[in-house]
Protein backbone atom coordinates (compact mmCIF):
# COMPACT_ATOMS: atom_id res chain seq x y z
CA MET A 1 0.00 0.00 0.00
CA LEU A 2 1.11 3.55 -0.63
CA PRO A 3 1.78 5.71 2.41
CA ASP A 4 -0.70 8.57 2.96
CA THR A 5 2.09 11.14 2.58
CA GLU A 6 2.93 9.79 -0.86
CA LEU A 7 -0.74 9.87 -1.88
CA GLN A 8 -0.99 13.47 -0.67
CA ALA A 9 2.15 14.44 -2.64
CA TRP A 10 0.67 12.88 -5.79
CA ARG A 11 -2.64 14.66 -5.20
CA GLU A 12 -0.86 18.01 -4.80
CA ALA A 13 1.26 17.39 -7.89
CA TRP A 14 -1.83 16.57 -9.92
CA GLN A 15 -3.54 19.75 -8.73
CA ALA A 16 -0.45 21.81 -9.48
CA GLN A 17 -0.39 20.35 -13.03
CA GLU A 18 3.16 19.00 -12.60
CA MET A 19 4.30 16.79 -15.43
CA VAL A 20 4.84 13.78 -13.13
CA ALA A 21 4.24 13.65 -9.40
CA PRO A 22 7.26 13.15 -7.13
CA GLY A 23 7.69 9.53 -6.14
CA LEU A 24 5.47 8.28 -8.95
CA ARG A 25 8.28 8.54 -11.50
CA GLU A 26 10.57 6.48 -9.23
CA ARG A 27 7.82 3.91 -8.64
CA VAL A 28 7.31 3.42 -12.37
CA ALA A 29 11.08 3.29 -12.95
CA ARG A 30 11.34 0.51 -10.33
CA GLU A 31 8.55 -1.40 -12.05
CA ILE A 32 10.27 -1.09 -15.44
CA ARG A 33 13.59 -2.28 -13.92
CA ARG A 34 11.78 -5.21 -12.29
CA ARG A 35 10.29 -6.16 -15.65
CA ARG A 36 13.68 -5.99 -17.35
CA LEU A 37 15.23 -8.21 -14.65
CA GLY A 38 12.32 -10.63 -15.03
CA PHE A 39 12.90 -10.70 -18.78
CA ALA A 40 16.60 -11.43 -18.27
CA GLY A 41 15.76 -14.24 -15.83
CA ALA A 42 13.20 -15.74 -18.23
CA LEU A 43 15.74 -15.58 -21.04
CA ALA A 44 18.33 -17.39 -18.88
CA VAL A 45 15.82 -20.14 -18.01
CA THR A 46 14.81 -20.45 -21.67
CA LEU A 47 18.39 -20.81 -22.81
CA SER A 48 19.29 -23.25 -20.03
CA PHE A 49 16.33 -25.59 -20.47
CA GLY A 50 15.71 -24.91 -24.15
CA ILE A 51 19.27 -25.93 -25.02
CA GLY A 52 20.15 -28.24 -22.11
CA ILE A 53 17.25 -30.71 -22.33
CA PRO A 54 17.42 -31.15 -26.13
CA ALA A 55 21.20 -31.59 -25.84
CA TRP A 56 20.60 -34.31 -23.25
CA ALA A 57 18.07 -35.94 -25.61
CA ILE A 58 20.59 -35.94 -28.47
CA VAL A 59 23.47 -37.26 -26.38
CA SER A 60 21.43 -39.92 -24.57
CA ARG A 61 19.42 -40.99 -27.66
CA ARG A 62 16.57 -41.88 -25.34
CA ALA A 63 13.01 -41.55 -26.62
CA ASP A 64 11.68 -40.56 -23.18
CA VAL A 65 14.17 -37.67 -22.98
CA ALA A 66 13.16 -36.58 -26.49
CA VAL A 67 9.54 -36.44 -25.27
CA LEU A 68 10.71 -34.34 -22.32
CA ALA A 69 12.60 -32.00 -24.67
CA LEU A 70 9.49 -31.52 -26.82
CA ALA A 71 7.40 -30.80 -23.74
CA VAL A 72 9.97 -28.30 -22.47
CA TRP A 73 9.86 -26.43 -25.78
CA ALA A 74 6.04 -26.44 -25.72
CA PHE A 75 5.99 -25.10 -22.15
CA LEU A 76 8.57 -22.44 -23.02
CA ALA A 77 6.53 -21.34 -26.04
CA ILE A 78 3.37 -21.11 -23.94
CA ALA A 79 5.16 -19.18 -21.19
CA TRP A 80 6.67 -16.69 -23.65
CA GLY A 81 3.32 -16.24 -25.39
CA VAL A 82 1.52 -15.51 -22.14
CA SER A 83 4.33 -13.25 -20.95
CA TRP A 84 4.36 -11.30 -24.21
CA ASN A 85 0.58 -10.87 -24.04
CA LEU A 86 0.68 -9.65 -20.43
CA SER A 87 3.54 -7.22 -21.18
CA ARG A 88 1.62 -5.24 -23.80
CA GLY A 89 1.58 -1.58 -22.81
CA LEU A 90 4.01 -2.04 -19.94
CA TRP A 91 7.33 -1.00 -21.47
CA LYS A 92 6.85 2.64 -20.50
CA PRO A 93 4.02 5.11 -19.76
CA VAL A 94 2.35 6.60 -22.83
CA ALA A 95 3.10 10.19 -21.75
CA ALA A 96 5.17 12.07 -19.19
CA THR A 97 2.18 13.06 -17.05
CA THR A 98 0.99 12.04 -13.62
CA ALA A 99 -2.18 10.58 -15.15
CA ALA A 100 -0.22 8.40 -17.60
CA PHE A 101 2.17 7.20 -14.90
CA LEU A 102 -0.77 6.40 -12.62
CA GLU A 103 -2.53 4.46 -15.42
CA PHE A 104 0.72 2.58 -16.03
CA SER A 105 0.89 1.62 -12.34
CA ILE A 106 -2.73 0.42 -12.30
CA LEU A 107 -2.23 -1.62 -15.48
CA SER A 108 0.95 -3.09 -14.03
CA CYS A 109 -0.90 -4.29 -10.90
CA GLU A 110 -3.65 -5.82 -13.03
CA ARG A 111 -1.23 -7.60 -15.35
CA ARG A 112 0.91 -8.88 -12.48
CA ARG A 113 -2.21 -10.40 -10.89
CA GLN A 114 -3.12 -12.00 -14.23
CA GLY A 115 0.45 -13.26 -14.47
CA ILE A 116 0.16 -14.94 -11.07
CA VAL A 117 -2.98 -16.77 -12.20
CA ALA A 118 -1.44 -17.79 -15.55
CA GLY A 119 1.80 -18.84 -13.86
CA SER A 120 -0.11 -20.94 -11.33
CA VAL A 121 -2.00 -22.78 -14.06
CA LEU A 122 1.20 -23.36 -16.05
CA TYR A 123 3.00 -24.52 -12.90
CA ALA A 124 0.25 -27.09 -12.22
CA VAL A 125 0.41 -28.40 -15.81
CA ILE A 126 4.21 -28.61 -15.78
CA LEU A 127 4.24 -30.27 -12.36
CA THR A 128 1.69 -32.84 -13.50
CA PHE A 129 3.70 -33.58 -16.65
CA ASN A 130 7.01 -33.80 -14.78
CA LEU A 131 5.68 -36.12 -12.08
CA SER A 132 4.07 -38.31 -14.74
CA TRP A 133 7.32 -38.36 -16.73
CA VAL A 134 9.42 -39.27 -13.69
CA TYR A 135 6.95 -41.97 -12.67
CA GLN A 136 6.81 -43.49 -16.17
CA THR A 137 10.58 -43.47 -16.63
CA ALA A 138 11.48 -44.85 -13.18
CA PRO A 139 13.09 -48.30 -13.52
CA ALA A 140 11.07 -49.83 -10.69
CA ALA A 141 8.21 -47.45 -10.05
CA PRO A 142 6.11 -48.20 -6.97
CA GLY A 143 2.37 -47.72 -7.04
CA VAL A 144 1.11 -44.25 -7.85
CA ALA A 145 0.11 -43.52 -4.24
CA ALA A 146 3.50 -44.69 -2.93
CA PHE A 147 5.26 -42.56 -5.56
CA LEU A 148 3.24 -39.44 -4.73
CA LEU A 149 4.00 -39.88 -1.02
CA SER A 150 7.69 -40.73 -1.44
CA GLY A 151 10.32 -38.54 0.20
CA ARG A 152 11.39 -36.82 -3.04
CA VAL A 153 7.84 -35.96 -4.00
CA ILE A 154 6.91 -34.79 -0.50
CA VAL A 155 9.68 -32.18 -0.84
CA ILE A 156 8.08 -31.06 -4.12
CA TRP A 157 4.66 -30.82 -2.39
CA ALA A 158 6.20 -28.70 0.39
CA ILE A 159 7.88 -26.37 -2.11
CA THR A 160 4.62 -26.15 -4.07
CA ALA A 161 2.68 -25.22 -0.92
CA GLY A 162 5.23 -22.50 -0.09
CA VAL A 163 5.14 -21.08 -3.63
CA ALA A 164 1.32 -21.18 -3.60
CA ALA A 165 1.19 -19.30 -0.28
CA LEU A 166 3.62 -16.67 -1.58
CA ALA A 167 1.64 -16.30 -4.83
CA LEU A 168 -1.64 -15.88 -2.93
CA TRP A 169 -0.10 -13.28 -0.62
CA ASN A 170 1.33 -11.36 -3.60
CA TRP A 171 -1.99 -11.60 -5.51
CA ARG A 172 -3.86 -10.11 -2.54
CA TRP A 173 -1.23 -7.42 -1.97
CA LEU A 174 -1.43 -6.38 -5.64
CA GLY A 175 -5.22 -6.24 -5.35
CA ARG A 176 -5.00 -3.84 -2.42
CA GLU A 177 -2.36 -1.80 -4.24
CA ARG A 178 -4.58 -1.57 -7.32
CA GLN A 179 -7.57 -0.47 -5.22
CA THR A 180 -5.47 2.27 -3.65
CA LEU A 181 -4.26 3.47 -7.05
CA VAL A 182 -7.77 3.42 -8.55
CA ARG A 183 -9.11 5.35 -5.55
CA LEU A 184 -6.30 7.88 -5.94
CA ARG A 185 -7.03 8.24 -9.66
CA GLY A 186 -10.67 8.98 -8.86
CA GLU A 187 -9.75 11.54 -6.20
CA LEU A 188 -7.27 13.23 -8.49
CA GLU A 189 -9.74 13.36 -11.39
CA ARG A 190 -12.44 14.84 -9.15
CA SER A 191 -9.97 17.36 -7.76
CA ALA A 192 -8.80 18.34 -11.24
CA ALA A 193 -12.42 18.76 -12.38
CA ARG A 194 -13.15 21.11 -9.45
CA HIS A 195 -10.13 23.28 -10.33
CA ARG A 196 -11.06 23.78 -13.98
C-alpha cells in the first residue's frame, strides 16, 4: 500500500499540473527495472532448459528424454506467449504526465495479478507432466500412491505449498495496491475537475 504522505504528494502534484508527481516517476522506474530483470531471468531459463534438455536428448538418444525435450519447448513457447501478451503496454508510460504514470501503475498491478494466475496454471500443468514423466521413466516405479508420497515428491509438495502461499499473498497485496491506485485516480480526477 502507498503511504498517505505519498498519496498526498501525488494529489498536490496533480492539482499543481506537474508533469509527473514526485515519487510516482521512481515507482514506475522501479517497475520497469523489475520487468527488465524478469525478462533477463526468463531468457536465462529459456536458454538453459531450451538448449540443455534437447542436448541431453541428443546425447542420450533416449526416446523418453526426447519427449521431455518436446514438452519443455512447448511449455517455453506457452510461457513466452503468455508473458508477451501480459507485457503489452508495460514498457513505459504513454506520456510524461501524472495521469499516464498512474494508469501505467494500475495496469501493471492488473497484469501482475493476471500473471500470477497464468503462472499458477502453467505450474500445475508442468508439475503434473514432470511427475508423470518421472513416474513413467522410473526403472522400478512403486504404485502411484506410494510414488506421490515418497520422500522426493513430499519435498516437491512442500515447495509447491510455499510457492502457492507466496503467490496468494502477492496476488492479494497487488489487489489492495490496485484499489489504492484506482481510488487515488478517482480523487485526483475529481480534484482536477473542481479546479477547472
